[in-house]
Amino acid sequence: MSFLKRAFNVVKNSYVKKLRNDLNRYGLRYDDLLIETDPDVVTAIARLPPRERALRTMRLKRALDCELKHSFVPEYLWNKQGPHRYLTPLIEQARKERLEADYL
């Protein structure tokens, strides 16, 4: 069992590193990729401060521009992105509130 857990952790860490590298190449954060058809995601985005919402929109536009031009964001900007999970706590809060409202 311990071997499987270690093997899983190696694969998981490798995947996370590759995903973070790919997102950084386009100047994106992980939560920028969340689909806005989920009502909890829509609520969480609406609760973002206006500046963070504008930054999210600019990151998405820049990623699209990079994709169309077949280029990437310079490496010196990769570490200036901040945390990749900026929206997740707001989504969890919105989900709890929605489930509580449904329960009542």
C-alpha atoms as a PDB file:
ATOM      1  CA  MET A   1       0.000   0.000   0.000  1.00  0.00           C
ATOM      2  CA  SER A   2       2.807   2.355   0.849  1.00  0.00           C
ATOM      3  CA  PHE A   3       4.409   1.740  -2.547  1.00  0.00           C
ATOM      4  CA  LEU A   4       1.214   2.667  -4.384  1.00  0.00           C
ATOM      5  CA  LYS A   5       0.827   5.826  -2.328  1.00  0.00           C
ATOM      6  CA  ARG A   6       4.403   6.896  -3.072  1.00  0.00           C
ATOM      7  CA  ALA A   7       3.990   6.106  -6.771  1.00  0.00           C
ATOM      8  CA  PHE A   8       0.760   8.083  -6.882  1.00  0.00           C
ATOM      9  CA  ASN A   9       2.432  11.054  -5.162  1.00  0.00           C
ATOM     10  CA  VAL A  10       5.301  10.995  -7.665  1.00  0.00           C
ATOM     11  CA  VAL A  11       2.869  11.036 -10.588  1.00  0.00           C
ATOM     12  CA  LYS A  12       0.713  13.695  -8.923  1.00  0.00           C
ATOM     13  CA  ASN A  13       3.665  15.996  -8.214  1.00  0.00           C
ATOM     14  CA  SER A  14       4.942  15.551 -11.750  1.00  0.00           C
ATOM     15  CA  TYR A  15       1.519  16.426 -13.176  1.00  0.00           C
ATOM     16  CA  VAL A  16       1.142  19.493 -10.942  1.00  0.00           C
ATOM     17  CA  LYS A  17       4.594  20.745 -11.949  1.00  0.00           C
ATOM     18  CA  LYS A  18       3.843  20.252 -15.665  1.00  0.00           C
ATOM     19  CA  LEU A  19       0.432  21.916 -15.388  1.00  0.00           C
ATOM     20  CA  ARG A  20       1.841  24.894 -13.486  1.00  0.00           C
ATOM     21  CA  ASN A  21       4.587  25.264 -16.094  1.00  0.00           C
ATOM     22  CA  ASP A  22       2.063  25.164 -18.947  1.00  0.00           C
ATOM     23  CA  LEU A  23      -0.177  27.722 -17.246  1.00  0.00           C
ATOM     24  CA  ASN A  24       2.770  30.016 -16.552  1.00  0.00           C
ATOM     25  CA  ARG A  25       3.775  29.899 -20.212  1.00  0.00           C
ATOM     26  CA  TYR A  26       0.457  31.541 -21.078  1.00  0.00           C
ATOM     27  CA  GLY A  27       0.336  33.766 -17.997  1.00  0.00           C
ATOM     28  CA  LEU A  28      -2.653  31.971 -16.476  1.00  0.00           C
ATOM     29  CA  ARG A  29      -3.579  30.730 -13.022  1.00  0.00           C
ATOM     30  CA  TYR A  30      -5.330  27.423 -12.423  1.00  0.00           C
ATOM     31  CA  ASP A  31      -8.622  29.045 -11.421  1.00  0.00           C
ATOM     32  CA  ASP A  32      -8.681  31.059 -14.661  1.00  0.00           C
ATOM     33  CA  LEU A  33      -9.556  27.826 -16.473  1.00  0.00           C
ATOM     34  CA  LEU A  34     -12.735  27.139 -14.522  1.00  0.00           C
ATOM     35  CA  ILE A  35     -15.811  27.107 -16.744  1.00  0.00           C
ATOM     36  CA  GLU A  36     -18.270  29.888 -16.035  1.00  0.00           C
ATOM     37  CA  THR A  37     -21.378  27.799 -16.632  1.00  0.00           C
ATOM     38  CA  ASP A  38     -21.273  26.451 -13.078  1.00  0.00           C
ATOM     39  CA  PRO A  39     -23.483  28.717 -10.925  1.00  0.00           C
ATOM     40  CA  ASP A  40     -21.013  28.522  -8.036  1.00  0.00           C
ATOM     41  CA  VAL A  41     -18.177  29.738 -10.265  1.00  0.00           C
ATOM     42  CA  VAL A  42     -20.340  32.584 -11.582  1.00  0.00           C
ATOM     43  CA  THR A  43     -21.195  33.616  -8.011  1.00  0.00           C
ATOM     44  CA  ALA A  44     -17.546  33.425  -6.956  1.00  0.00           C
ATOM     45  CA  ILE A  45     -16.418  35.555  -9.901  1.00  0.00           C
ATOM     46  CA  ALA A  46     -19.076  38.129  -9.067  1.00  0.00           C
ATOM     47  CA  ARG A  47     -17.724  38.264  -5.498  1.00  0.00           C
ATOM     48  CA  LEU A  48     -14.179  38.976  -6.637  1.00  0.00           C
ATOM     49  CA  PRO A  49     -12.933  42.514  -6.077  1.00  0.00           C
ATOM     50  CA  PRO A  50     -13.190  44.593  -9.282  1.00  0.00           C
ATOM     51  CA  ARG A  51      -9.398  44.753  -9.675  1.00  0.00           C
ATOM     52  CA  GLU A  52      -9.019  40.960  -9.428  1.00  0.00           C
ATOM     53  CA  ARG A  53     -11.873  40.460 -11.902  1.00  0.00           C
ATOM     54  CA  ALA A  54     -10.178  42.850 -14.351  1.00  0.00           C
ATOM     55  CA  LEU A  55      -6.841  41.047 -13.912  1.00  0.00           C
ATOM     56  CA  ARG A  56      -8.541  37.723 -14.610  1.00  0.00           C
ATOM     57  CA  THR A  57     -10.036  39.092 -17.822  1.00  0.00           C
ATOM     58  CA  MET A  58      -6.674  40.502 -18.893  1.00  0.00           C
ATOM     59  CA  ARG A  59      -4.946  37.155 -18.208  1.00  0.00           C
ATOM     60  CA  LEU A  60      -7.515  35.344 -20.362  1.00  0.00           C
ATOM     61  CA  LYS A  61      -7.120  37.870 -23.199  1.00  0.00           C
ATOM     62  CA  ARG A  62      -3.316  37.676 -22.990  1.00  0.00           C
ATOM     63  CA  ALA A  63      -3.435  33.861 -23.104  1.00  0.00           C
ATOM     64  CA  LEU A  64      -5.656  33.961 -26.188  1.00  0.00           C
ATOM     65  CA  ASP A  65      -3.304  36.476 -27.802  1.00  0.00           C
ATOM     66  CA  CYS A  66      -0.286  34.291 -27.026  1.00  0.00           C
ATOM     67  CA  GLU A  67      -2.035  31.252 -28.462  1.00  0.00           C
ATOM     68  CA  LEU A  68      -2.934  33.058 -31.694  1.00  0.00           C
ATOM     69  CA  LYS A  69       0.611  34.419 -32.073  1.00  0.00           C
ATOM     70  CA  HIS A  70       2.221  31.082 -31.137  1.00  0.00           C
ATOM     71  CA  SER A  71       4.266  32.775 -28.437  1.00  0.00           C
ATOM     72  CA  PHE A  72       4.550  32.640 -24.663  1.00  0.00           C
ATOM     73  CA  VAL A  73       4.728  35.059 -21.754  1.00  0.00           C
ATOM     74  CA  PRO A  74       8.344  35.946 -20.800  1.00  0.00           C
ATOM     75  CA  GLU A  75       9.743  33.804 -17.983  1.00  0.00           C
ATOM     76  CA  TYR A  76      10.431  36.761 -15.689  1.00  0.00           C
ATOM     77  CA  LEU A  77       6.654  37.273 -15.388  1.00  0.00           C
ATOM     78  CA  TRP A  78       5.915  33.681 -14.378  1.00  0.00           C
ATOM     79  CA  ASN A  79       6.537  34.143 -10.658  1.00  0.00           C
ATOM     80  CA  LYS A  80       4.624  37.415 -10.508  1.00  0.00           C
ATOM     81  CA  GLN A  81       1.269  35.726 -11.089  1.00  0.00           C
ATOM     82  CA  GLY A  82       0.481  35.055  -7.443  1.00  0.00           C
ATOM     83  CA  PRO A  83      -1.400  32.037  -6.105  1.00  0.00           C
ATOM     84  CA  HIS A  84      -2.966  29.715  -8.667  1.00  0.00           C
ATOM     85  CA  ARG A  85      -5.999  28.995  -6.449  1.00  0.00           C
ATOM     86  CA  TYR A  86      -7.430  32.464  -5.828  1.00  0.00           C
ATOM     87  CA  LEU A  87     -11.037  31.601  -6.679  1.00  0.00           C
ATOM     88  CA  THR A  88     -11.408  28.205  -5.015  1.00  0.00           C
ATOM     89  CA  PRO A  89     -12.247  29.494  -1.500  1.00  0.00           C
ATOM     90  CA  LEU A  90     -14.979  31.715  -2.950  1.00  0.00           C
ATOM     91  CA  ILE A  91     -16.384  28.798  -4.959  1.00  0.00           C
ATOM     92  CA  GLU A  92     -16.487  26.594  -1.880  1.00  0.00           C
ATOM     93  CA  GLN A  93     -18.259  29.334   0.067  1.00  0.00           C
ATOM     94  CA  ALA A  94     -20.803  29.860  -2.740  1.00  0.00           C
ATOM     95  CA  ARG A  95     -21.391  26.098  -2.957  1.00  0.00           C
ATOM     96  CA  LYS A  96     -22.005  25.841   0.786  1.00  0.00           C
ATOM     97  CA  GLU A  97     -24.456  28.734   0.665  1.00  0.00           C
ATOM     98  CA  ARG A  98     -26.289  27.241  -2.323  1.00  0.00           C
ATOM     99  CA  LEU A  99     -26.548  23.814  -0.703  1.00  0.00           C
ATOM    100  CA  GLU A 100     -27.752  25.398   2.534  1.00  0.00           C
ATOM    101  CA  ALA A 101     -30.408  27.357   0.650  1.00  0.00           C
ATOM    102  CA  ASP A 102     -31.487  24.185  -1.177  1.00  0.00           C
ATOM    103  CA  TYR A 103     -31.676  22.309   2.093  1.00  0.00           C
ATOM    104  CA  LEU A 104     -33.986  24.893   3.602  1.00  0.00           C
END
